[in-house]
Amino acid sequence: MRTEPGEIQYDLSKGSLMKILQDHGIETRFQSMTTDEIDQAVDLYRAGDSIKTIAAKLGKAKGSVWKALTGSGVEMRPSTR
């Protein structure tokens, strides 16, 4: 990503930015997962990634990832909690 003169670029994931906004009481609108993101989440889960890891990689909430996976018919592994 190229920045223009005078622009500041921060190395933050979308999830990190959303957490900072939430921590400061800034309301954001719901961002549903795209078809590509859901496909990527399914691939990552089937490859062994946890829901938490997938959520961090995609900058989404764990609940959103879980909902996308179950809605795609993915057989869920037992929780390790």
PDB file of N, CA and C in Angstrom:
ATOM      1  N   MET A   1       0.846  -1.180   0.000  1.00  0.00           N
ATOM      2  CA  MET A   1       0.000   0.000   0.000  1.00  0.00           C
ATOM      3  C   MET A   1       0.885   1.236   0.000  1.00  0.00           C
ATOM      4  N   ARG A   2       0.614   2.129  -0.901  1.00  0.00           N
ATOM      5  CA  ARG A   2       1.397   3.351  -1.025  1.00  0.00           C
ATOM      6  C   ARG A   2       0.674   4.481  -0.310  1.00  0.00           C
ATOM      7  N   THR A   3       1.442   5.272   0.413  1.00  0.00           N
ATOM      8  CA  THR A   3       0.849   6.430   1.083  1.00  0.00           C
ATOM      9  C   THR A   3       1.237   7.704   0.348  1.00  0.00           C
ATOM     10  N   GLU A   4       0.383   8.665   0.417  1.00  0.00           N
ATOM     11  CA  GLU A   4       0.626   9.975  -0.188  1.00  0.00           C
ATOM     12  C   GLU A   4       1.413  10.823   0.805  1.00  0.00           C
ATOM     13  N   PRO A   5       2.115  11.835   0.324  1.00  0.00           N
ATOM     14  CA  PRO A   5       2.842  12.731   1.238  1.00  0.00           C
ATOM     15  C   PRO A   5       1.896  13.306   2.280  1.00  0.00           C
ATOM     16  N   GLY A   6       2.329  13.266   3.516  1.00  0.00           N
ATOM     17  CA  GLY A   6       1.516  13.799   4.602  1.00  0.00           C
ATOM     18  C   GLY A   6       0.581  12.776   5.226  1.00  0.00           C
ATOM     19  N   GLU A   7       0.405  11.624   4.612  1.00  0.00           N
ATOM     20  CA  GLU A   7      -0.442  10.578   5.179  1.00  0.00           C
ATOM     21  C   GLU A   7       0.364   9.758   6.172  1.00  0.00           C
ATOM     22  N   ILE A   8      -0.323   9.255   7.176  1.00  0.00           N
ATOM     23  CA  ILE A   8       0.299   8.385   8.164  1.00  0.00           C
ATOM     24  C   ILE A   8      -0.297   6.998   7.984  1.00  0.00           C
ATOM     25  N   GLN A   9       0.553   5.989   7.966  1.00  0.00           N
ATOM     26  CA  GLN A   9       0.084   4.615   7.826  1.00  0.00           C
ATOM     27  C   GLN A   9       0.400   3.865   9.113  1.00  0.00           C
ATOM     28  N   TYR A  10      -0.606   3.185   9.669  1.00  0.00           N
ATOM     29  CA  TYR A  10      -0.432   2.400  10.875  1.00  0.00           C
ATOM     30  C   TYR A  10      -0.503   0.924  10.505  1.00  0.00           C
ATOM     31  N   ASP A  11       0.298   0.120  11.169  1.00  0.00           N
ATOM     32  CA  ASP A  11       0.320  -1.314  10.897  1.00  0.00           C
ATOM     33  C   ASP A  11      -0.648  -2.010  11.848  1.00  0.00           C
ATOM     34  N   LEU A  12      -1.956  -1.876  11.553  1.00  0.00           N
ATOM     35  CA  LEU A  12      -3.002  -2.461  12.384  1.00  0.00           C
ATOM     36  C   LEU A  12      -3.896  -3.347  11.533  1.00  0.00           C
ATOM     37  N   SER A  13      -4.338  -4.450  12.127  1.00  0.00           N
ATOM     38  CA  SER A  13      -5.343  -5.255  11.446  1.00  0.00           C
ATOM     39  C   SER A  13      -6.700  -4.578  11.635  1.00  0.00           C
ATOM     40  N   LYS A  14      -7.644  -4.964  10.819  1.00  0.00           N
ATOM     41  CA  LYS A  14      -8.993  -4.415  10.947  1.00  0.00           C
ATOM     42  C   LYS A  14      -9.562  -4.739  12.323  1.00  0.00           C
ATOM     43  N   GLY A  15      -9.306  -5.960  12.791  1.00  0.00           N
ATOM     44  CA  GLY A  15      -9.796  -6.367  14.108  1.00  0.00           C
ATOM     45  C   GLY A  15      -9.236  -5.504  15.222  1.00  0.00           C
ATOM     46  N   SER A  16      -7.945  -5.190  15.137  1.00  0.00           N
ATOM     47  CA  SER A  16      -7.318  -4.338  16.151  1.00  0.00           C
ATOM     48  C   SER A  16      -7.923  -2.939  16.140  1.00  0.00           C
ATOM     49  N   LEU A  17      -8.124  -2.410  14.952  1.00  0.00           N
ATOM     50  CA  LEU A  17      -8.719  -1.077  14.842  1.00  0.00           C
ATOM     51  C   LEU A  17     -10.142  -1.072  15.398  1.00  0.00           C
ATOM     52  N   MET A  18     -10.908  -2.099  15.071  1.00  0.00           N
ATOM     53  CA  MET A  18     -12.286  -2.171  15.567  1.00  0.00           C
ATOM     54  C   MET A  18     -12.303  -2.255  17.098  1.00  0.00           C
ATOM     55  N   LYS A  19     -11.352  -2.982  17.694  1.00  0.00           N
ATOM     56  CA  LYS A  19     -11.262  -3.090  19.150  1.00  0.00           C
ATOM     57  C   LYS A  19     -10.944  -1.737  19.761  1.00  0.00           C
ATOM     58  N   ILE A  20     -10.017  -0.992  19.170  1.00  0.00           N
ATOM     59  CA  ILE A  20      -9.669   0.335  19.676  1.00  0.00           C
ATOM     60  C   ILE A  20     -10.897   1.247  19.634  1.00  0.00           C
ATOM     61  N   LEU A  21     -11.618   1.216  18.522  1.00  0.00           N
ATOM     62  CA  LEU A  21     -12.831   2.044  18.409  1.00  0.00           C
ATOM     63  C   LEU A  21     -13.849   1.647  19.471  1.00  0.00           C
ATOM     64  N   GLN A  22     -14.049   0.340  19.634  1.00  0.00           N
ATOM     65  CA  GLN A  22     -15.011  -0.157  20.625  1.00  0.00           C
ATOM     66  C   GLN A  22     -14.583   0.256  22.036  1.00  0.00           C
ATOM     67  N   ASP A  23     -13.292   0.124  22.352  1.00  0.00           N
ATOM     68  CA  ASP A  23     -12.782   0.488  23.677  1.00  0.00           C
ATOM     69  C   ASP A  23     -13.002   1.963  23.996  1.00  0.00           C
ATOM     70  N   HIS A  24     -13.094   2.786  22.952  1.00  0.00           N
ATOM     71  CA  HIS A  24     -13.302   4.224  23.153  1.00  0.00           C
ATOM     72  C   HIS A  24     -14.753   4.643  22.953  1.00  0.00           C
ATOM     73  N   GLY A  25     -15.640   3.649  22.896  1.00  0.00           N
ATOM     74  CA  GLY A  25     -17.068   3.939  22.830  1.00  0.00           C
ATOM     75  C   GLY A  25     -17.565   4.441  21.493  1.00  0.00           C
ATOM     76  N   ILE A  26     -16.815   4.195  20.431  1.00  0.00           N
ATOM     77  CA  ILE A  26     -17.221   4.654  19.109  1.00  0.00           C
ATOM     78  C   ILE A  26     -18.044   3.556  18.442  1.00  0.00           C
ATOM     79  N   GLU A  27     -19.264   3.883  18.078  1.00  0.00           N
ATOM     80  CA  GLU A  27     -20.142   2.899  17.448  1.00  0.00           C
ATOM     81  C   GLU A  27     -19.741   2.695  15.991  1.00  0.00           C
ATOM     82  N   THR A  28     -19.773   1.444  15.573  1.00  0.00           N
ATOM     83  CA  THR A  28     -19.494   1.116  14.184  1.00  0.00           C
ATOM     84  C   THR A  28     -20.664   0.307  13.650  1.00  0.00           C
ATOM     85  N   ARG A  29     -20.831   0.313  12.353  1.00  0.00           N
ATOM     86  CA  ARG A  29     -21.929  -0.458  11.779  1.00  0.00           C
ATOM     87  C   ARG A  29     -21.463  -1.882  11.531  1.00  0.00           C
ATOM     88  N   PHE A  30     -22.408  -2.802  11.526  1.00  0.00           N
ATOM     89  CA  PHE A  30     -22.110  -4.216  11.326  1.00  0.00           C
ATOM     90  C   PHE A  30     -21.564  -4.444   9.924  1.00  0.00           C
ATOM     91  N   GLN A  31     -20.481  -5.197   9.840  1.00  0.00           N
ATOM     92  CA  GLN A  31     -19.864  -5.528   8.559  1.00  0.00           C
ATOM     93  C   GLN A  31     -19.963  -7.047   8.379  1.00  0.00           C
ATOM     94  N   SER A  32     -20.854  -7.494   7.529  1.00  0.00           N
ATOM     95  CA  SER A  32     -20.991  -8.933   7.337  1.00  0.00           C
ATOM     96  C   SER A  32     -19.806  -9.471   6.545  1.00  0.00           C
ATOM     97  N   MET A  33     -19.601 -10.772   6.657  1.00  0.00           N
ATOM     98  CA  MET A  33     -18.486 -11.404   5.946  1.00  0.00           C
ATOM     99  C   MET A  33     -18.855 -11.578   4.479  1.00  0.00           C
ATOM    100  N   THR A  34     -17.890 -11.339   3.617  1.00  0.00           N
ATOM    101  CA  THR A  34     -18.103 -11.530   2.185  1.00  0.00           C
ATOM    102  C   THR A  34     -18.010 -13.022   1.859  1.00  0.00           C
ATOM    103  N   THR A  35     -18.455 -13.386   0.679  1.00  0.00           N
ATOM    104  CA  THR A  35     -18.362 -14.772   0.234  1.00  0.00           C
ATOM    105  C   THR A  35     -16.906 -15.226   0.214  1.00  0.00           C
ATOM    106  N   ASP A  36     -16.012 -14.369  -0.237  1.00  0.00           N
ATOM    107  CA  ASP A  36     -14.589 -14.705  -0.262  1.00  0.00           C
ATOM    108  C   ASP A  36     -14.042 -14.927   1.150  1.00  0.00           C
ATOM    109  N   GLU A  37     -14.452 -14.090   2.097  1.00  0.00           N
ATOM    110  CA  GLU A  37     -14.010 -14.245   3.483  1.00  0.00           C
ATOM    111  C   GLU A  37     -14.538 -15.551   4.082  1.00  0.00           C
ATOM    112  N   ILE A  38     -15.784 -15.882   3.770  1.00  0.00           N
ATOM    113  CA  ILE A  38     -16.360 -17.132   4.271  1.00  0.00           C
ATOM    114  C   ILE A  38     -15.609 -18.325   3.686  1.00  0.00           C
ATOM    115  N   ASP A  39     -15.340 -18.287   2.393  1.00  0.00           N
ATOM    116  CA  ASP A  39     -14.581 -19.367   1.754  1.00  0.00           C
ATOM    117  C   ASP A  39     -13.202 -19.508   2.388  1.00  0.00           C
ATOM    118  N   GLN A  40     -12.564 -18.380   2.648  1.00  0.00           N
ATOM    119  CA  GLN A  40     -11.248 -18.394   3.274  1.00  0.00           C
ATOM    120  C   GLN A  40     -11.335 -18.968   4.691  1.00  0.00           C
ATOM    121  N   ALA A  41     -12.359 -18.580   5.438  1.00  0.00           N
ATOM    122  CA  ALA A  41     -12.546 -19.093   6.802  1.00  0.00           C
ATOM    123  C   ALA A  41     -12.748 -20.610   6.787  1.00  0.00           C
ATOM    124  N   VAL A  42     -13.543 -21.099   5.840  1.00  0.00           N
ATOM    125  CA  VAL A  42     -13.784 -22.545   5.719  1.00  0.00           C
ATOM    126  C   VAL A  42     -12.468 -23.261   5.422  1.00  0.00           C
ATOM    127  N   ASP A  43     -11.693 -22.742   4.486  1.00  0.00           N
ATOM    128  CA  ASP A  43     -10.411 -23.353   4.140  1.00  0.00           C
ATOM    129  C   ASP A  43      -9.455 -23.370   5.336  1.00  0.00           C
ATOM    130  N   LEU A  44      -9.378 -22.252   6.047  1.00  0.00           N
ATOM    131  CA  LEU A  44      -8.493 -22.168   7.206  1.00  0.00           C
ATOM    132  C   LEU A  44      -8.920 -23.130   8.317  1.00  0.00           C
ATOM    133  N   TYR A  45     -10.237 -23.221   8.552  1.00  0.00           N
ATOM    134  CA  TYR A  45     -10.750 -24.108   9.600  1.00  0.00           C
ATOM    135  C   TYR A  45     -10.471 -25.566   9.247  1.00  0.00           C
ATOM    136  N   ARG A  46     -10.717 -25.915   8.005  1.00  0.00           N
ATOM    137  CA  ARG A  46     -10.456 -27.291   7.563  1.00  0.00           C
ATOM    138  C   ARG A  46      -8.966 -27.619   7.585  1.00  0.00           C
ATOM    139  N   ALA A  47      -8.116 -26.584   7.489  1.00  0.00           N
ATOM    140  CA  ALA A  47      -6.666 -26.783   7.554  1.00  0.00           C
ATOM    141  C   ALA A  47      -6.174 -26.875   9.000  1.00  0.00           C
ATOM    142  N   GLY A  48      -7.086 -26.659   9.960  1.00  0.00           N
ATOM    143  CA  GLY A  48      -6.730 -26.818  11.367  1.00  0.00           C
ATOM    144  C   GLY A  48      -6.693 -25.559  12.201  1.00  0.00           C
ATOM    145  N   ASP A  49      -6.899 -24.391  11.592  1.00  0.00           N
ATOM    146  CA  ASP A  49      -6.899 -23.144  12.376  1.00  0.00           C
ATOM    147  C   ASP A  49      -8.110 -23.108  13.308  1.00  0.00           C
ATOM    148  N   SER A  50      -7.931 -22.469  14.454  1.00  0.00           N
ATOM    149  CA  SER A  50      -9.040 -22.282  15.392  1.00  0.00           C
ATOM    150  C   SER A  50      -9.913 -21.114  14.940  1.00  0.00           C
ATOM    151  N   ILE A  51     -11.103 -21.046  15.473  1.00  0.00           N
ATOM    152  CA  ILE A  51     -12.004 -19.932  15.163  1.00  0.00           C
ATOM    153  C   ILE A  51     -11.358 -18.616  15.597  1.00  0.00           C
ATOM    154  N   LYS A  52     -10.716 -18.625  16.756  1.00  0.00           N
ATOM    155  CA  LYS A  52     -10.053 -17.410  17.261  1.00  0.00           C
ATOM    156  C   LYS A  52      -8.960 -16.942  16.294  1.00  0.00           C
ATOM    157  N   THR A  53      -8.164 -17.884  15.799  1.00  0.00           N
ATOM    158  CA  THR A  53      -7.091 -17.550  14.862  1.00  0.00           C
ATOM    159  C   THR A  53      -7.656 -17.013  13.555  1.00  0.00           C
ATOM    160  N   ILE A  54      -8.702 -17.658  13.063  1.00  0.00           N
ATOM    161  CA  ILE A  54      -9.336 -17.222  11.811  1.00  0.00           C
ATOM    162  C   ILE A  54      -9.902 -15.814  11.974  1.00  0.00           C
ATOM    163  N   ALA A  55     -10.564 -15.584  13.099  1.00  0.00           N
ATOM    164  CA  ALA A  55     -11.145 -14.264  13.359  1.00  0.00           C
ATOM    165  C   ALA A  55     -10.061 -13.188  13.352  1.00  0.00           C
ATOM    166  N   ALA A  56      -8.923 -13.488  13.970  1.00  0.00           N
ATOM    167  CA  ALA A  56      -7.818 -12.524  14.004  1.00  0.00           C
ATOM    168  C   ALA A  56      -7.262 -12.284  12.600  1.00  0.00           C
ATOM    169  N   LYS A  57      -7.112 -13.340  11.816  1.00  0.00           N
ATOM    170  CA  LYS A  57      -6.569 -13.202  10.462  1.00  0.00           C
ATOM    171  C   LYS A  57      -7.493 -12.383   9.565  1.00  0.00           C
ATOM    172  N   LEU A  58      -8.800 -12.568   9.741  1.00  0.00           N
ATOM    173  CA  LEU A  58      -9.770 -11.888   8.880  1.00  0.00           C
ATOM    174  C   LEU A  58     -10.277 -10.566   9.452  1.00  0.00           C
ATOM    175  N   GLY A  59      -9.927 -10.278  10.702  1.00  0.00           N
ATOM    176  CA  GLY A  59     -10.403  -9.050  11.327  1.00  0.00           C
ATOM    177  C   GLY A  59     -11.893  -9.082  11.611  1.00  0.00           C
ATOM    178  N   LYS A  60     -12.398 -10.260  11.969  1.00  0.00           N
ATOM    179  CA  LYS A  60     -13.822 -10.450  12.256  1.00  0.00           C
ATOM    180  C   LYS A  60     -14.001 -10.946  13.683  1.00  0.00           C
ATOM    181  N   ALA A  61     -15.207 -10.869  14.185  1.00  0.00           N
ATOM    182  CA  ALA A  61     -15.528 -11.395  15.506  1.00  0.00           C
ATOM    183  C   ALA A  61     -15.588 -12.919  15.445  1.00  0.00           C
ATOM    184  N   LYS A  62     -15.229 -13.562  16.571  1.00  0.00           N
ATOM    185  CA  LYS A  62     -15.272 -15.025  16.624  1.00  0.00           C
ATOM    186  C   LYS A  62     -16.682 -15.538  16.338  1.00  0.00           C
ATOM    187  N   GLY A  63     -17.692 -14.850  16.838  1.00  0.00           N
ATOM    188  CA  GLY A  63     -19.076 -15.263  16.605  1.00  0.00           C
ATOM    189  C   GLY A  63     -19.454 -15.204  15.130  1.00  0.00           C
ATOM    190  N   SER A  64     -18.938 -14.205  14.439  1.00  0.00           N
ATOM    191  CA  SER A  64     -19.208 -14.084  13.000  1.00  0.00           C
ATOM    192  C   SER A  64     -18.578 -15.236  12.231  1.00  0.00           C
ATOM    193  N   VAL A  65     -17.362 -15.610  12.633  1.00  0.00           N
ATOM    194  CA  VAL A  65     -16.674 -16.719  11.972  1.00  0.00           C
ATOM    195  C   VAL A  65     -17.419 -18.019  12.241  1.00  0.00           C
ATOM    196  N   TRP A  66     -17.804 -18.239  13.491  1.00  0.00           N
ATOM    197  CA  TRP A  66     -18.551 -19.453  13.848  1.00  0.00           C
ATOM    198  C   TRP A  66     -19.849 -19.539  13.040  1.00  0.00           C
ATOM    199  N   LYS A  67     -20.567 -18.439  12.975  1.00  0.00           N
ATOM    200  CA  LYS A  67     -21.827 -18.413  12.228  1.00  0.00           C
ATOM    201  C   LYS A  67     -21.596 -18.705  10.748  1.00  0.00           C
ATOM    202  N   ALA A  68     -20.543 -18.144  10.175  1.00  0.00           N
ATOM    203  CA  ALA A  68     -20.228 -18.378   8.760  1.00  0.00           C
ATOM    204  C   ALA A  68     -19.868 -19.842   8.517  1.00  0.00           C
ATOM    205  N   LEU A  69     -19.095 -20.425   9.429  1.00  0.00           N
ATOM    206  CA  LEU A  69     -18.690 -21.824   9.274  1.00  0.00           C
ATOM    207  C   LEU A  69     -19.882 -22.767   9.386  1.00  0.00           C
ATOM    208  N   THR A  70     -20.688 -22.575  10.415  1.00  0.00           N
ATOM    209  CA  THR A  70     -21.842 -23.467  10.592  1.00  0.00           C
ATOM    210  C   THR A  70     -22.864 -23.253   9.480  1.00  0.00           C
ATOM    211  N   GLY A  71     -22.998 -22.006   9.027  1.00  0.00           N
ATOM    212  CA  GLY A  71     -23.915 -21.717   7.926  1.00  0.00           C
ATOM    213  C   GLY A  71     -23.455 -22.316   6.615  1.00  0.00           C
ATOM    214  N   SER A  72     -22.162 -22.628   6.528  1.00  0.00           N
ATOM    215  CA  SER A  72     -21.606 -23.249   5.323  1.00  0.00           C
ATOM    216  C   SER A  72     -21.604 -24.771   5.416  1.00  0.00           C
ATOM    217  N   GLY A  73     -22.160 -25.291   6.533  1.00  0.00           N
ATOM    218  CA  GLY A  73     -22.249 -26.736   6.689  1.00  0.00           C
ATOM    219  C   GLY A  73     -20.977 -27.401   7.176  1.00  0.00           C
ATOM    220  N   VAL A  74     -20.040 -26.619   7.713  1.00  0.00           N
ATOM    221  CA  VAL A  74     -18.788 -27.178   8.204  1.00  0.00           C
ATOM    222  C   VAL A  74     -19.046 -27.936   9.504  1.00  0.00           C
ATOM    223  N   GLU A  75     -18.517 -29.158   9.601  1.00  0.00           N
ATOM    224  CA  GLU A  75     -18.645 -29.908  10.839  1.00  0.00           C
ATOM    225  C   GLU A  75     -17.642 -29.338  11.841  1.00  0.00           C
ATOM    226  N   MET A  76     -18.159 -28.891  12.973  1.00  0.00           N
ATOM    227  CA  MET A  76     -17.314 -28.221  13.955  1.00  0.00           C
ATOM    228  C   MET A  76     -16.596 -29.229  14.835  1.00  0.00           C
ATOM    229  N   ARG A  77     -15.344 -28.899  15.174  1.00  0.00           N
ATOM    230  CA  ARG A  77     -14.556 -29.719  16.084  1.00  0.00           C
ATOM    231  C   ARG A  77     -14.989 -29.412  17.513  1.00  0.00           C
ATOM    232  N   PRO A  78     -14.750 -30.368  18.438  1.00  0.00           N
ATOM    233  CA  PRO A  78     -15.043 -30.076  19.857  1.00  0.00           C
ATOM    234  C   PRO A  78     -14.202 -28.901  20.366  1.00  0.00           C
ATOM    235  N   SER A  79     -14.763 -28.133  21.242  1.00  0.00           N
ATOM    236  CA  SER A  79     -14.049 -26.985  21.816  1.00  0.00           C
ATOM    237  C   SER A  79     -12.876 -27.473  22.660  1.00  0.00           C
ATOM    238  N   THR A  80     -11.792 -26.710  22.666  1.00  0.00           N
ATOM    239  CA  THR A  80     -10.625 -27.053  23.490  1.00  0.00           C
ATOM    240  C   THR A  80     -10.587 -26.239  24.759  1.00  0.00           C
ATOM    241  N   ARG A  81     -11.621 -25.512  25.065  1.00  0.00           N
ATOM    242  CA  ARG A  81     -11.679 -24.666  26.272  1.00  0.00           C
ATOM    243  C   ARG A  81     -11.825 -25.496  27.498  1.00  0.00           C
TER     244      ARG A  81
END
